[in-house]
Amino acid sequence: MQKIENSILNLELYRYSCVEVHIKPNNEMYRRLLIDNFIALYGVDEKYKQVVIYRVIYGKTDYLNLIEE
């Protein structure tokens, strides 16, 4: 749990370091942070210069289908 927390806190400095993921059907854009066996999906709020964590999901989950539903 500590590694997940530290990785998310590092996004304060490196918010654009992770790959963009586009989720259908609305082509919403998230960024994907890989942390061991987990994936954190987040966005960057440009207005407030904040990182918004949307979900932390176990890595073997079909997260694209989970989010699309």
N, C-alpha and C. Protein backbone atom coordinates (compact mmCIF):
# COMPACT_ATOMS: atom_id res chain seq x y z
N MET A 1 0.82 -1.19 0.00
CA MET A 1 0.00 0.00 0.00
C MET A 1 0.87 1.26 0.00
N GLN A 2 1.99 1.20 0.69
CA GLN A 2 2.89 2.34 0.77
C GLN A 2 3.46 2.70 -0.60
N LYS A 3 3.76 1.69 -1.41
CA LYS A 3 4.31 1.95 -2.74
C LYS A 3 3.28 2.64 -3.63
N ILE A 4 2.03 2.24 -3.52
CA ILE A 4 0.96 2.88 -4.29
C ILE A 4 0.85 4.34 -3.87
N GLU A 5 0.83 4.59 -2.58
CA GLU A 5 0.71 5.95 -2.08
C GLU A 5 1.89 6.81 -2.54
N ASN A 6 3.10 6.29 -2.43
CA ASN A 6 4.28 7.06 -2.84
C ASN A 6 4.28 7.34 -4.34
N SER A 7 3.86 6.38 -5.13
CA SER A 7 3.81 6.58 -6.59
C SER A 7 2.80 7.65 -6.95
N ILE A 8 1.66 7.64 -6.28
CA ILE A 8 0.64 8.66 -6.54
C ILE A 8 1.14 10.03 -6.09
N LEU A 9 1.80 10.10 -4.96
CA LEU A 9 2.32 11.38 -4.48
C LEU A 9 3.39 11.94 -5.43
N ASN A 10 4.16 11.07 -6.08
CA ASN A 10 5.17 11.52 -7.05
C ASN A 10 4.55 12.19 -8.27
N LEU A 11 3.27 11.93 -8.51
CA LEU A 11 2.61 12.57 -9.65
C LEU A 11 2.54 14.09 -9.48
N GLU A 12 2.67 14.57 -8.26
CA GLU A 12 2.68 16.01 -8.04
C GLU A 12 3.79 16.68 -8.85
N LEU A 13 4.93 16.02 -8.94
CA LEU A 13 6.06 16.56 -9.69
C LEU A 13 6.08 16.14 -11.15
N TYR A 14 5.58 14.94 -11.44
CA TYR A 14 5.67 14.36 -12.78
C TYR A 14 4.29 13.98 -13.30
N ARG A 15 3.37 14.90 -13.29
CA ARG A 15 1.97 14.59 -13.62
C ARG A 15 1.76 14.15 -15.07
N TYR A 16 2.65 14.53 -15.97
CA TYR A 16 2.49 14.16 -17.37
C TYR A 16 3.41 13.01 -17.79
N SER A 17 4.00 12.34 -16.84
CA SER A 17 4.99 11.30 -17.15
C SER A 17 4.37 9.98 -17.61
N CYS A 18 3.10 9.78 -17.37
CA CYS A 18 2.47 8.49 -17.70
C CYS A 18 1.74 8.56 -19.04
N VAL A 19 1.57 7.40 -19.63
CA VAL A 19 0.96 7.30 -20.95
C VAL A 19 -0.53 7.66 -20.90
N GLU A 20 -1.01 8.29 -21.99
CA GLU A 20 -2.43 8.60 -22.12
C GLU A 20 -3.19 7.36 -22.59
N VAL A 21 -4.40 7.20 -22.07
CA VAL A 21 -5.29 6.10 -22.46
C VAL A 21 -6.62 6.73 -22.83
N HIS A 22 -7.12 6.40 -24.01
CA HIS A 22 -8.42 6.92 -24.45
C HIS A 22 -9.46 5.82 -24.30
N ILE A 23 -10.51 6.12 -23.56
CA ILE A 23 -11.55 5.14 -23.25
C ILE A 23 -12.79 5.45 -24.09
N LYS A 24 -13.28 4.42 -24.79
CA LYS A 24 -14.49 4.58 -25.60
C LYS A 24 -15.70 4.45 -24.70
N PRO A 25 -16.87 4.85 -25.01
CA PRO A 25 -17.33 5.37 -26.29
C PRO A 25 -17.13 6.88 -26.44
N ASN A 26 -16.87 7.60 -25.36
CA ASN A 26 -16.75 9.06 -25.43
C ASN A 26 -15.33 9.54 -25.67
N ASN A 27 -14.41 8.61 -25.87
CA ASN A 27 -13.00 8.92 -26.09
C ASN A 27 -12.41 9.76 -24.96
N GLU A 28 -12.83 9.46 -23.73
CA GLU A 28 -12.31 10.18 -22.58
C GLU A 28 -10.83 9.85 -22.40
N MET A 29 -10.05 10.84 -21.99
CA MET A 29 -8.61 10.65 -21.84
C MET A 29 -8.24 10.56 -20.36
N TYR A 30 -7.54 9.49 -20.03
CA TYR A 30 -6.98 9.30 -18.70
C TYR A 30 -5.48 9.10 -18.87
N ARG A 31 -4.77 9.14 -17.78
CA ARG A 31 -3.37 8.73 -17.78
C ARG A 31 -3.26 7.47 -16.94
N ARG A 32 -2.36 6.58 -17.32
CA ARG A 32 -2.24 5.28 -16.67
C ARG A 32 -0.89 5.18 -15.97
N LEU A 33 -0.95 5.00 -14.65
CA LEU A 33 0.24 4.82 -13.83
C LEU A 33 0.32 3.36 -13.41
N LEU A 34 1.42 2.70 -13.76
CA LEU A 34 1.61 1.30 -13.39
C LEU A 34 2.39 1.22 -12.08
N ILE A 35 1.82 0.49 -11.11
CA ILE A 35 2.44 0.32 -9.80
C ILE A 35 2.38 -1.16 -9.46
N ASP A 36 3.47 -1.87 -9.67
CA ASP A 36 3.51 -3.32 -9.44
C ASP A 36 2.33 -4.00 -10.13
N ASN A 37 1.43 -4.61 -9.36
CA ASN A 37 0.29 -5.33 -9.93
C ASN A 37 -0.96 -4.47 -10.05
N PHE A 38 -0.83 -3.16 -9.94
CA PHE A 38 -1.98 -2.27 -9.96
C PHE A 38 -1.83 -1.21 -11.04
N ILE A 39 -2.97 -0.67 -11.45
CA ILE A 39 -3.01 0.43 -12.42
C ILE A 39 -3.82 1.54 -11.78
N ALA A 40 -3.27 2.74 -11.79
CA ALA A 40 -4.01 3.93 -11.33
C ALA A 40 -4.36 4.75 -12.56
N LEU A 41 -5.64 5.05 -12.71
CA LEU A 41 -6.10 5.91 -13.79
C LEU A 41 -6.35 7.29 -13.19
N TYR A 42 -5.76 8.29 -13.83
CA TYR A 42 -5.88 9.64 -13.29
C TYR A 42 -5.97 10.67 -14.41
N GLY A 43 -6.35 11.86 -14.03
CA GLY A 43 -6.39 12.98 -14.95
C GLY A 43 -5.70 14.17 -14.31
N VAL A 44 -5.44 15.18 -15.11
CA VAL A 44 -4.80 16.39 -14.61
C VAL A 44 -5.79 17.54 -14.79
N ASP A 45 -6.11 18.19 -13.70
CA ASP A 45 -6.99 19.36 -13.73
C ASP A 45 -6.09 20.58 -13.96
N GLU A 46 -6.10 21.08 -15.19
CA GLU A 46 -5.22 22.19 -15.57
C GLU A 46 -5.54 23.47 -14.81
N LYS A 47 -6.81 23.70 -14.56
CA LYS A 47 -7.22 24.94 -13.89
C LYS A 47 -6.61 25.05 -12.50
N TYR A 48 -6.65 23.95 -11.75
CA TYR A 48 -6.17 23.96 -10.37
C TYR A 48 -4.80 23.31 -10.21
N LYS A 49 -4.21 22.84 -11.33
CA LYS A 49 -2.89 22.20 -11.29
C LYS A 49 -2.87 21.03 -10.31
N GLN A 50 -3.91 20.18 -10.41
CA GLN A 50 -4.04 19.04 -9.52
C GLN A 50 -4.15 17.74 -10.31
N VAL A 51 -3.73 16.68 -9.67
CA VAL A 51 -3.93 15.33 -10.21
C VAL A 51 -5.17 14.76 -9.55
N VAL A 52 -6.05 14.20 -10.36
CA VAL A 52 -7.29 13.60 -9.87
C VAL A 52 -7.21 12.10 -10.13
N ILE A 53 -7.20 11.30 -9.07
CA ILE A 53 -7.16 9.84 -9.19
C ILE A 53 -8.60 9.35 -9.35
N TYR A 54 -8.86 8.66 -10.46
CA TYR A 54 -10.20 8.14 -10.71
C TYR A 54 -10.37 6.72 -10.20
N ARG A 55 -9.38 5.88 -10.43
CA ARG A 55 -9.48 4.49 -9.97
C ARG A 55 -8.10 3.89 -9.79
N VAL A 56 -8.01 2.98 -8.85
CA VAL A 56 -6.85 2.11 -8.71
C VAL A 56 -7.38 0.70 -8.85
N ILE A 57 -6.87 -0.02 -9.84
CA ILE A 57 -7.44 -1.30 -10.24
C ILE A 57 -6.33 -2.36 -10.24
N TYR A 58 -6.70 -3.57 -9.87
CA TYR A 58 -5.76 -4.69 -9.97
C TYR A 58 -5.36 -4.87 -11.44
N GLY A 59 -4.10 -5.05 -11.70
CA GLY A 59 -3.55 -5.04 -13.05
C GLY A 59 -4.09 -6.09 -14.00
N LYS A 60 -4.55 -7.22 -13.50
CA LYS A 60 -5.05 -8.28 -14.38
C LYS A 60 -6.52 -8.08 -14.74
N THR A 61 -7.13 -7.05 -14.20
CA THR A 61 -8.51 -6.72 -14.53
C THR A 61 -8.56 -6.12 -15.92
N ASP A 62 -9.58 -6.43 -16.69
CA ASP A 62 -9.77 -5.81 -17.99
C ASP A 62 -10.34 -4.42 -17.75
N TYR A 63 -9.47 -3.51 -17.39
CA TYR A 63 -9.92 -2.18 -16.94
C TYR A 63 -10.56 -1.37 -18.05
N LEU A 64 -10.19 -1.56 -19.29
CA LEU A 64 -10.82 -0.81 -20.38
C LEU A 64 -12.30 -1.15 -20.48
N ASN A 65 -12.64 -2.43 -20.40
CA ASN A 65 -14.05 -2.82 -20.43
C ASN A 65 -14.77 -2.40 -19.16
N LEU A 66 -14.10 -2.45 -18.03
CA LEU A 66 -14.70 -2.04 -16.77
C LEU A 66 -15.10 -0.58 -16.80
N ILE A 67 -14.25 0.28 -17.33
CA ILE A 67 -14.52 1.71 -17.38
C ILE A 67 -15.58 2.04 -18.43
N GLU A 68 -15.58 1.32 -19.53
CA GLU A 68 -16.52 1.60 -20.61
C GLU A 68 -17.96 1.32 -20.21
N GLU A 69 -18.17 0.47 -19.23
CA GLU A 69 -19.54 0.09 -18.83
C GLU A 69 -20.22 1.21 -18.07
